[in-house]
Amino acid sequence: MIRIQLLIGALLVLLLVYMISMIRKEKIDLRYALPWIVICLIIGVIDLCPWTLERLAGLFGMHVPSNMVFLVAIVLLSHRVFLLTASVSRLSGKNTRLAQEIALLKEALEESGSHDECND
């Protein structure tokens, strides 16, 4: 049991270091990395104190602690998918408005170019 806890702890530390370096290099935005950092910290607490998972599962009436892990994972991932869907929807609206503004600017530019040719 100790070996797997050490392995999980080492992997969590490596993942956290990797995410922090990605944030520092500005390859990922903090608001997208923050939920993953929080998840890593939660897994770290469970890794250090496995009895917390058993107590939480007991509080929610679950007899098997692994079911608690699956429930929490499903809830967190569903929340993340919802937030990403909202973000994609917002960006799609901005993209549409931007395309419309570009089309209007092109039309205005073409009209001003044709007026200049008429005045010559």
C-alpha atoms as a PDB file:
ATOM      1  CA  MET A   1       0.000   0.000   0.000  1.00  0.00           C
ATOM      2  CA  ILE A   2       2.840   2.391   0.819  1.00  0.00           C
ATOM      3  CA  ARG A   3       4.424   1.882  -2.612  1.00  0.00           C
ATOM      4  CA  ILE A   4       1.279   2.939  -4.465  1.00  0.00           C
ATOM      5  CA  GLN A   5       0.886   5.963  -2.184  1.00  0.00           C
ATOM      6  CA  LEU A   6       4.471   7.021  -2.901  1.00  0.00           C
ATOM      7  CA  LEU A   7       3.952   6.509  -6.628  1.00  0.00           C
ATOM      8  CA  ILE A   8       0.734   8.544  -6.624  1.00  0.00           C
ATOM      9  CA  GLY A   9       2.408  11.270  -4.540  1.00  0.00           C
ATOM     10  CA  ALA A  10       5.364  11.459  -6.917  1.00  0.00           C
ATOM     11  CA  LEU A  11       3.084  11.603  -9.956  1.00  0.00           C
ATOM     12  CA  LEU A  12       1.014  14.370  -8.356  1.00  0.00           C
ATOM     13  CA  VAL A  13       4.127  16.420  -7.601  1.00  0.00           C
ATOM     14  CA  LEU A  14       5.376  15.977 -11.171  1.00  0.00           C
ATOM     15  CA  LEU A  15       1.978  16.960 -12.559  1.00  0.00           C
ATOM     16  CA  LEU A  16       1.811  20.061 -10.361  1.00  0.00           C
ATOM     17  CA  VAL A  17       5.341  21.119 -11.368  1.00  0.00           C
ATOM     18  CA  TYR A  18       4.463  20.576 -15.033  1.00  0.00           C
ATOM     19  CA  MET A  19       1.243  22.622 -14.756  1.00  0.00           C
ATOM     20  CA  ILE A  20       3.008  25.457 -12.942  1.00  0.00           C
ATOM     21  CA  SER A  21       5.724  25.564 -15.598  1.00  0.00           C
ATOM     22  CA  MET A  22       3.045  25.650 -18.327  1.00  0.00           C
ATOM     23  CA  ILE A  23       1.379  28.573 -16.534  1.00  0.00           C
ATOM     24  CA  ARG A  24       4.683  30.421 -16.169  1.00  0.00           C
ATOM     25  CA  LYS A  25       5.473  29.932 -19.872  1.00  0.00           C
ATOM     26  CA  GLU A  26       1.943  31.188 -20.638  1.00  0.00           C
ATOM     27  CA  LYS A  27       1.085  28.022 -22.574  1.00  0.00           C
ATOM     28  CA  ILE A  28      -2.040  27.569 -20.459  1.00  0.00           C
ATOM     29  CA  ASP A  29      -4.212  30.134 -18.737  1.00  0.00           C
ATOM     30  CA  LEU A  30      -4.458  30.007 -14.952  1.00  0.00           C
ATOM     31  CA  ARG A  31      -8.256  29.815 -15.008  1.00  0.00           C
ATOM     32  CA  TYR A  32      -8.081  26.576 -17.012  1.00  0.00           C
ATOM     33  CA  ALA A  33      -5.278  25.061 -14.926  1.00  0.00           C
ATOM     34  CA  LEU A  34      -6.716  25.978 -11.523  1.00  0.00           C
ATOM     35  CA  PRO A  35      -9.378  23.225 -11.420  1.00  0.00           C
ATOM     36  CA  TRP A  36      -6.728  20.626 -12.250  1.00  0.00           C
ATOM     37  CA  ILE A  37      -4.465  21.980  -9.513  1.00  0.00           C
ATOM     38  CA  VAL A  38      -7.335  21.752  -7.013  1.00  0.00           C
ATOM     39  CA  ILE A  39      -8.075  18.169  -8.118  1.00  0.00           C
ATOM     40  CA  CYS A  40      -4.393  17.270  -7.659  1.00  0.00           C
ATOM     41  CA  LEU A  41      -4.430  18.743  -4.163  1.00  0.00           C
ATOM     42  CA  ILE A  42      -7.594  16.811  -3.258  1.00  0.00           C
ATOM     43  CA  ILE A  43      -6.055  13.580  -4.537  1.00  0.00           C
ATOM     44  CA  GLY A  44      -2.905  14.415  -2.559  1.00  0.00           C
ATOM     45  CA  VAL A  45      -4.887  14.777   0.663  1.00  0.00           C
ATOM     46  CA  ILE A  46      -6.643  11.475   0.007  1.00  0.00           C
ATOM     47  CA  ASP A  47      -3.268   9.894  -0.781  1.00  0.00           C
ATOM     48  CA  LEU A  48      -1.733  11.133   2.478  1.00  0.00           C
ATOM     49  CA  CYS A  49      -4.812  10.358   4.617  1.00  0.00           C
ATOM     50  CA  PRO A  50      -6.746   7.468   3.017  1.00  0.00           C
ATOM     51  CA  TRP A  51      -9.123   7.261   5.978  1.00  0.00           C
ATOM     52  CA  THR A  52     -10.659  10.613   4.921  1.00  0.00           C
ATOM     53  CA  LEU A  53     -12.143   8.932   1.866  1.00  0.00           C
ATOM     54  CA  GLU A  54     -13.654   6.171   3.995  1.00  0.00           C
ATOM     55  CA  ARG A  55     -15.211   8.702   6.370  1.00  0.00           C
ATOM     56  CA  LEU A  56     -16.588  10.814   3.510  1.00  0.00           C
ATOM     57  CA  ALA A  57     -18.057   7.719   1.878  1.00  0.00           C
ATOM     58  CA  GLY A  58     -19.659   6.782   5.198  1.00  0.00           C
ATOM     59  CA  LEU A  59     -21.141  10.282   5.525  1.00  0.00           C
ATOM     60  CA  PHE A  60     -22.812   9.908   2.146  1.00  0.00           C
ATOM     61  CA  GLY A  61     -24.005   6.387   2.893  1.00  0.00           C
ATOM     62  CA  MET A  62     -21.666   4.616   0.499  1.00  0.00           C
ATOM     63  CA  HIS A  63     -20.260   1.289   1.609  1.00  0.00           C
ATOM     64  CA  VAL A  64     -17.369   1.238  -0.856  1.00  0.00           C
ATOM     65  CA  PRO A  65     -14.984   4.237  -0.820  1.00  0.00           C
ATOM     66  CA  SER A  66     -14.139   3.789  -4.504  1.00  0.00           C
ATOM     67  CA  ASN A  67     -17.767   4.661  -5.319  1.00  0.00           C
ATOM     68  CA  MET A  68     -17.161   8.002  -3.597  1.00  0.00           C
ATOM     69  CA  VAL A  69     -14.161   8.593  -5.855  1.00  0.00           C
ATOM     70  CA  PHE A  70     -16.259   7.896  -8.946  1.00  0.00           C
ATOM     71  CA  LEU A  71     -19.073  10.154  -7.725  1.00  0.00           C
ATOM     72  CA  VAL A  72     -16.715  13.054  -7.042  1.00  0.00           C
ATOM     73  CA  ALA A  73     -14.953  12.529 -10.393  1.00  0.00           C
ATOM     74  CA  ILE A  74     -18.253  12.496 -12.286  1.00  0.00           C
ATOM     75  CA  VAL A  75     -19.464  15.660 -10.540  1.00  0.00           C
ATOM     76  CA  LEU A  76     -16.177  17.546 -11.088  1.00  0.00           C
ATOM     77  CA  LEU A  77     -15.867  16.502 -14.727  1.00  0.00           C
ATOM     78  CA  SER A  78     -19.508  17.355 -15.438  1.00  0.00           C
ATOM     79  CA  HIS A  79     -18.971  20.799 -13.928  1.00  0.00           C
ATOM     80  CA  ARG A  80     -15.836  21.276 -16.033  1.00  0.00           C
ATOM     81  CA  VAL A  81     -17.615  20.227 -19.227  1.00  0.00           C
ATOM     82  CA  PHE A  82     -20.428  22.684 -18.465  1.00  0.00           C
ATOM     83  CA  LEU A  83     -17.961  25.551 -17.956  1.00  0.00           C
ATOM     84  CA  LEU A  84     -16.123  24.704 -21.169  1.00  0.00           C
ATOM     85  CA  THR A  85     -19.428  24.529 -23.075  1.00  0.00           C
ATOM     86  CA  ALA A  86     -20.348  27.983 -21.787  1.00  0.00           C
ATOM     87  CA  SER A  87     -16.923  29.287 -22.813  1.00  0.00           C
ATOM     88  CA  VAL A  88     -17.209  27.806 -26.326  1.00  0.00           C
ATOM     89  CA  SER A  89     -20.686  29.291 -26.696  1.00  0.00           C
ATOM     90  CA  ARG A  90     -19.471  32.740 -25.667  1.00  0.00           C
ATOM     91  CA  LEU A  91     -16.485  32.544 -28.021  1.00  0.00           C
ATOM     92  CA  SER A  92     -18.725  31.406 -30.885  1.00  0.00           C
ATOM     93  CA  GLY A  93     -20.870  34.512 -30.421  1.00  0.00           C
ATOM     94  CA  LYS A  94     -17.796  36.730 -30.394  1.00  0.00           C
ATOM     95  CA  ASN A  95     -16.501  35.016 -33.531  1.00  0.00           C
ATOM     96  CA  THR A  96     -19.784  35.639 -35.351  1.00  0.00           C
ATOM     97  CA  ARG A  97     -19.803  39.324 -34.370  1.00  0.00           C
ATOM     98  CA  LEU A  98     -16.180  39.696 -35.434  1.00  0.00           C
ATOM     99  CA  ALA A  99     -16.886  38.147 -38.851  1.00  0.00           C
ATOM    100  CA  GLN A 100     -19.848  40.501 -39.313  1.00  0.00           C
ATOM    101  CA  GLU A 101     -17.749  43.551 -38.384  1.00  0.00           C
ATOM    102  CA  ILE A 102     -15.019  42.494 -40.827  1.00  0.00           C
ATOM    103  CA  ALA A 103     -17.604  42.076 -43.597  1.00  0.00           C
ATOM    104  CA  LEU A 104     -19.009  45.562 -42.882  1.00  0.00           C
ATOM    105  CA  LEU A 105     -15.511  47.080 -42.864  1.00  0.00           C
ATOM    106  CA  LYS A 106     -14.662  45.383 -46.175  1.00  0.00           C
ATOM    107  CA  GLU A 107     -17.876  46.692 -47.704  1.00  0.00           C
ATOM    108  CA  ALA A 108     -17.187  50.215 -46.431  1.00  0.00           C
ATOM    109  CA  LEU A 109     -13.621  50.032 -47.752  1.00  0.00           C
ATOM    110  CA  GLU A 110     -14.796  48.867 -51.169  1.00  0.00           C
ATOM    111  CA  GLU A 111     -17.412  51.640 -51.305  1.00  0.00           C
ATOM    112  CA  SER A 112     -14.868  54.306 -50.379  1.00  0.00           C
ATOM    113  CA  GLY A 113     -12.493  52.918 -53.006  1.00  0.00           C
ATOM    114  CA  SER A 114     -15.192  53.104 -55.697  1.00  0.00           C
ATOM    115  CA  HIS A 115     -16.078  56.692 -54.692  1.00  0.00           C
ATOM    116  CA  ASP A 116     -12.428  57.720 -55.020  1.00  0.00           C
ATOM    117  CA  GLU A 117     -12.293  56.225 -58.548  1.00  0.00           C
ATOM    118  CA  CYS A 118     -15.436  58.186 -59.531  1.00  0.00           C
ATOM    119  CA  ASN A 119     -13.928  61.487 -58.317  1.00  0.00           C
ATOM    120  CA  ASP A 120     -10.738  61.035 -60.378  1.00  0.00           C
END
